[in-house]
Amino acid sequence: MSAVLNQHSFLIAAVLLLAIAWLIVRKRRHNWPVLLVLVAGLGAAWYILRTGGGDIHSPADLEAALRGGRPVAMEMYSDY
């Protein structure tokens, strides 16, 4: 269960934040732009904070990096 929470923590936090914001906004009709800005902000945060593509795409690329004569620091990471 903790692995699921860890892997999807941003999604869970975003859903909870949006639910709380919706509960507040639905009582005050003039605050709908706040909810839209929150959704846009969460989308932008996800887009900015996600990892980019890696440099190693095949076993041959890994082998070339390891035998290139320079020290190699390898980090394996997945957004999900």
N, C-alpha and C. Protein backbone atom coordinates (compact mmCIF):
# COMPACT_ATOMS: atom_id res chain seq x y z
N MET A 1 0.82 -1.20 0.00
CA MET A 1 0.00 0.00 0.00
C MET A 1 0.87 1.27 0.00
N SER A 2 1.98 1.23 0.73
CA SER A 2 2.83 2.41 0.78
C SER A 2 3.48 2.68 -0.57
N ALA A 3 3.74 1.63 -1.35
CA ALA A 3 4.31 1.82 -2.68
C ALA A 3 3.34 2.56 -3.59
N VAL A 4 2.05 2.23 -3.48
CA VAL A 4 1.03 2.92 -4.29
C VAL A 4 0.95 4.38 -3.88
N LEU A 5 0.96 4.64 -2.58
CA LEU A 5 0.92 6.03 -2.11
C LEU A 5 2.16 6.79 -2.55
N ASN A 6 3.31 6.14 -2.51
CA ASN A 6 4.55 6.79 -2.91
C ASN A 6 4.56 7.08 -4.41
N GLN A 7 4.12 6.13 -5.21
CA GLN A 7 4.15 6.31 -6.66
C GLN A 7 3.15 7.35 -7.13
N HIS A 8 2.04 7.48 -6.45
CA HIS A 8 0.97 8.37 -6.91
C HIS A 8 0.73 9.53 -5.95
N SER A 9 1.74 9.93 -5.20
CA SER A 9 1.55 10.96 -4.19
C SER A 9 1.15 12.31 -4.79
N PHE A 10 1.72 12.70 -5.94
CA PHE A 10 1.35 13.97 -6.56
C PHE A 10 -0.11 13.94 -6.99
N LEU A 11 -0.53 12.84 -7.60
CA LEU A 11 -1.91 12.72 -8.06
C LEU A 11 -2.88 12.75 -6.88
N ILE A 12 -2.55 12.05 -5.81
CA ILE A 12 -3.42 12.02 -4.63
C ILE A 12 -3.51 13.41 -4.01
N ALA A 13 -2.37 14.08 -3.86
CA ALA A 13 -2.37 15.43 -3.28
C ALA A 13 -3.14 16.40 -4.16
N ALA A 14 -2.99 16.28 -5.48
CA ALA A 14 -3.70 17.17 -6.40
C ALA A 14 -5.20 16.95 -6.32
N VAL A 15 -5.64 15.71 -6.25
CA VAL A 15 -7.07 15.42 -6.16
C VAL A 15 -7.64 15.95 -4.84
N LEU A 16 -6.92 15.76 -3.75
CA LEU A 16 -7.39 16.27 -2.46
C LEU A 16 -7.45 17.80 -2.46
N LEU A 17 -6.44 18.44 -3.01
CA LEU A 17 -6.41 19.89 -3.09
C LEU A 17 -7.56 20.42 -3.95
N LEU A 18 -7.79 19.77 -5.08
CA LEU A 18 -8.90 20.19 -5.95
C LEU A 18 -10.26 19.96 -5.29
N ALA A 19 -10.40 18.87 -4.54
CA ALA A 19 -11.66 18.61 -3.84
C ALA A 19 -11.93 19.67 -2.79
N ILE A 20 -10.92 20.03 -2.04
CA ILE A 20 -11.08 21.08 -1.02
C ILE A 20 -11.39 22.41 -1.68
N ALA A 21 -10.68 22.72 -2.76
CA ALA A 21 -10.93 23.98 -3.47
C ALA A 21 -12.34 24.00 -4.05
N TRP A 22 -12.80 22.86 -4.59
CA TRP A 22 -14.15 22.80 -5.15
C TRP A 22 -15.20 23.02 -4.07
N LEU A 23 -14.98 22.44 -2.89
CA LEU A 23 -15.94 22.63 -1.79
C LEU A 23 -16.03 24.10 -1.39
N ILE A 24 -14.92 24.80 -1.43
CA ILE A 24 -14.92 26.22 -1.08
C ILE A 24 -15.53 27.05 -2.20
N VAL A 25 -15.16 26.74 -3.43
CA VAL A 25 -15.60 27.54 -4.59
C VAL A 25 -17.08 27.38 -4.88
N ARG A 26 -17.64 26.21 -4.66
CA ARG A 26 -19.04 26.00 -5.02
C ARG A 26 -19.99 26.86 -4.20
N LYS A 27 -19.56 27.30 -3.03
CA LYS A 27 -20.40 28.18 -2.21
C LYS A 27 -20.25 29.64 -2.62
N ARG A 28 -19.16 29.97 -3.26
CA ARG A 28 -18.91 31.34 -3.70
C ARG A 28 -18.75 31.33 -5.22
N ARG A 29 -19.78 31.64 -5.92
CA ARG A 29 -19.81 31.48 -7.37
C ARG A 29 -18.79 32.37 -8.09
N HIS A 30 -18.37 33.46 -7.53
CA HIS A 30 -17.44 34.35 -8.21
C HIS A 30 -15.99 33.89 -8.09
N ASN A 31 -15.71 32.79 -7.43
CA ASN A 31 -14.34 32.30 -7.25
C ASN A 31 -13.96 31.19 -8.21
N TRP A 32 -14.74 30.95 -9.27
CA TRP A 32 -14.41 29.89 -10.21
C TRP A 32 -13.06 30.10 -10.90
N PRO A 33 -12.66 31.33 -11.20
CA PRO A 33 -11.32 31.48 -11.79
C PRO A 33 -10.19 30.97 -10.89
N VAL A 34 -10.39 31.00 -9.59
CA VAL A 34 -9.38 30.48 -8.66
C VAL A 34 -9.19 28.99 -8.89
N LEU A 35 -10.28 28.27 -9.08
CA LEU A 35 -10.20 26.83 -9.33
C LEU A 35 -9.50 26.55 -10.66
N LEU A 36 -9.81 27.36 -11.66
CA LEU A 36 -9.15 27.18 -12.96
C LEU A 36 -7.65 27.45 -12.87
N VAL A 37 -7.27 28.47 -12.12
CA VAL A 37 -5.85 28.77 -11.93
C VAL A 37 -5.16 27.63 -11.17
N LEU A 38 -5.85 27.06 -10.20
CA LEU A 38 -5.30 25.95 -9.43
C LEU A 38 -5.07 24.73 -10.34
N VAL A 39 -6.03 24.43 -11.19
CA VAL A 39 -5.88 23.31 -12.12
C VAL A 39 -4.70 23.57 -13.07
N ALA A 40 -4.63 24.78 -13.60
CA ALA A 40 -3.52 25.13 -14.50
C ALA A 40 -2.18 25.06 -13.76
N GLY A 41 -2.14 25.52 -12.53
CA GLY A 41 -0.91 25.48 -11.74
C GLY A 41 -0.46 24.05 -11.44
N LEU A 42 -1.40 23.18 -11.11
CA LEU A 42 -1.05 21.78 -10.86
C LEU A 42 -0.56 21.11 -12.14
N GLY A 43 -1.21 21.41 -13.26
CA GLY A 43 -0.75 20.86 -14.53
C GLY A 43 0.65 21.35 -14.89
N ALA A 44 0.90 22.64 -14.67
CA ALA A 44 2.23 23.19 -14.95
C ALA A 44 3.28 22.59 -14.03
N ALA A 45 2.94 22.41 -12.75
CA ALA A 45 3.89 21.81 -11.80
C ALA A 45 4.24 20.38 -12.23
N TRP A 46 3.23 19.62 -12.64
CA TRP A 46 3.51 18.25 -13.09
C TRP A 46 4.41 18.27 -14.32
N TYR A 47 4.13 19.15 -15.26
CA TYR A 47 4.91 19.21 -16.49
C TYR A 47 6.36 19.63 -16.22
N ILE A 48 6.55 20.60 -15.35
CA ILE A 48 7.88 21.12 -15.06
C ILE A 48 8.70 20.13 -14.22
N LEU A 49 8.06 19.46 -13.26
CA LEU A 49 8.79 18.60 -12.33
C LEU A 49 9.04 17.19 -12.84
N ARG A 50 8.42 16.81 -13.95
CA ARG A 50 8.66 15.45 -14.44
C ARG A 50 10.06 15.36 -15.03
N THR A 51 10.56 14.15 -15.07
CA THR A 51 11.91 13.96 -15.58
C THR A 51 11.90 13.96 -17.11
N GLY A 52 13.00 14.33 -17.68
CA GLY A 52 13.14 14.33 -19.14
C GLY A 52 13.59 12.98 -19.63
N GLY A 53 13.84 12.90 -20.90
CA GLY A 53 14.32 11.66 -21.47
C GLY A 53 15.75 11.38 -21.04
N GLY A 54 16.10 10.14 -20.97
CA GLY A 54 17.44 9.76 -20.54
C GLY A 54 18.43 9.79 -21.69
N ASP A 55 19.69 9.64 -21.37
CA ASP A 55 20.75 9.61 -22.37
C ASP A 55 21.00 8.20 -22.89
N ILE A 56 20.60 7.21 -22.12
CA ILE A 56 20.86 5.81 -22.46
C ILE A 56 19.53 5.19 -22.89
N HIS A 57 19.48 4.72 -24.14
CA HIS A 57 18.24 4.16 -24.67
C HIS A 57 18.36 2.69 -25.05
N SER A 58 19.56 2.17 -25.05
CA SER A 58 19.75 0.77 -25.44
C SER A 58 20.95 0.21 -24.67
N PRO A 59 21.06 -1.11 -24.64
CA PRO A 59 22.24 -1.70 -24.01
C PRO A 59 23.55 -1.26 -24.66
N ALA A 60 23.51 -1.00 -25.95
CA ALA A 60 24.73 -0.54 -26.64
C ALA A 60 25.14 0.85 -26.16
N ASP A 61 24.16 1.72 -25.91
CA ASP A 61 24.45 3.06 -25.38
C ASP A 61 25.08 2.95 -23.99
N LEU A 62 24.55 2.04 -23.16
CA LEU A 62 25.10 1.84 -21.82
C LEU A 62 26.54 1.33 -21.91
N GLU A 63 26.74 0.37 -22.76
CA GLU A 63 28.09 -0.19 -22.92
C GLU A 63 29.07 0.88 -23.38
N ALA A 64 28.66 1.73 -24.32
CA ALA A 64 29.53 2.79 -24.81
C ALA A 64 29.84 3.80 -23.70
N ALA A 65 28.87 4.11 -22.87
CA ALA A 65 29.10 5.05 -21.78
C ALA A 65 30.04 4.46 -20.74
N LEU A 66 29.90 3.17 -20.43
CA LEU A 66 30.75 2.53 -19.44
C LEU A 66 32.18 2.38 -19.93
N ARG A 67 32.37 2.19 -21.20
CA ARG A 67 33.71 1.99 -21.76
C ARG A 67 34.29 3.28 -22.35
N GLY A 68 33.66 4.42 -22.07
CA GLY A 68 34.10 5.68 -22.66
C GLY A 68 35.32 6.30 -22.00
N GLY A 69 35.79 5.74 -20.91
CA GLY A 69 36.99 6.26 -20.27
C GLY A 69 36.71 7.34 -19.23
N ARG A 70 35.45 7.72 -19.05
CA ARG A 70 35.09 8.71 -18.04
C ARG A 70 34.22 8.05 -16.97
N PRO A 71 34.27 8.53 -15.74
CA PRO A 71 33.40 7.98 -14.71
C PRO A 71 31.93 8.17 -15.09
N VAL A 72 31.12 7.19 -14.73
CA VAL A 72 29.70 7.21 -15.07
C VAL A 72 28.88 7.14 -13.80
N ALA A 73 27.97 8.07 -13.62
CA ALA A 73 26.98 8.00 -12.53
C ALA A 73 25.64 7.66 -13.17
N MET A 74 25.07 6.56 -12.76
CA MET A 74 23.83 6.11 -13.37
C MET A 74 22.70 6.16 -12.33
N GLU A 75 21.61 6.77 -12.70
CA GLU A 75 20.45 6.87 -11.83
C GLU A 75 19.26 6.36 -12.61
N MET A 76 18.51 5.46 -12.00
CA MET A 76 17.31 4.95 -12.65
C MET A 76 16.12 5.53 -11.90
N TYR A 77 15.20 6.12 -12.66
CA TYR A 77 14.06 6.78 -12.06
C TYR A 77 12.86 6.67 -12.99
N SER A 78 11.70 6.55 -12.41
CA SER A 78 10.47 6.53 -13.19
C SER A 78 9.49 7.52 -12.59
N ASP A 79 8.78 8.26 -13.43
CA ASP A 79 7.79 9.21 -12.92
C ASP A 79 6.63 8.49 -12.24
N TYR A 80 6.39 7.25 -12.60
CA TYR A 80 5.29 6.50 -11.98
C TYR A 80 5.76 5.18 -11.52
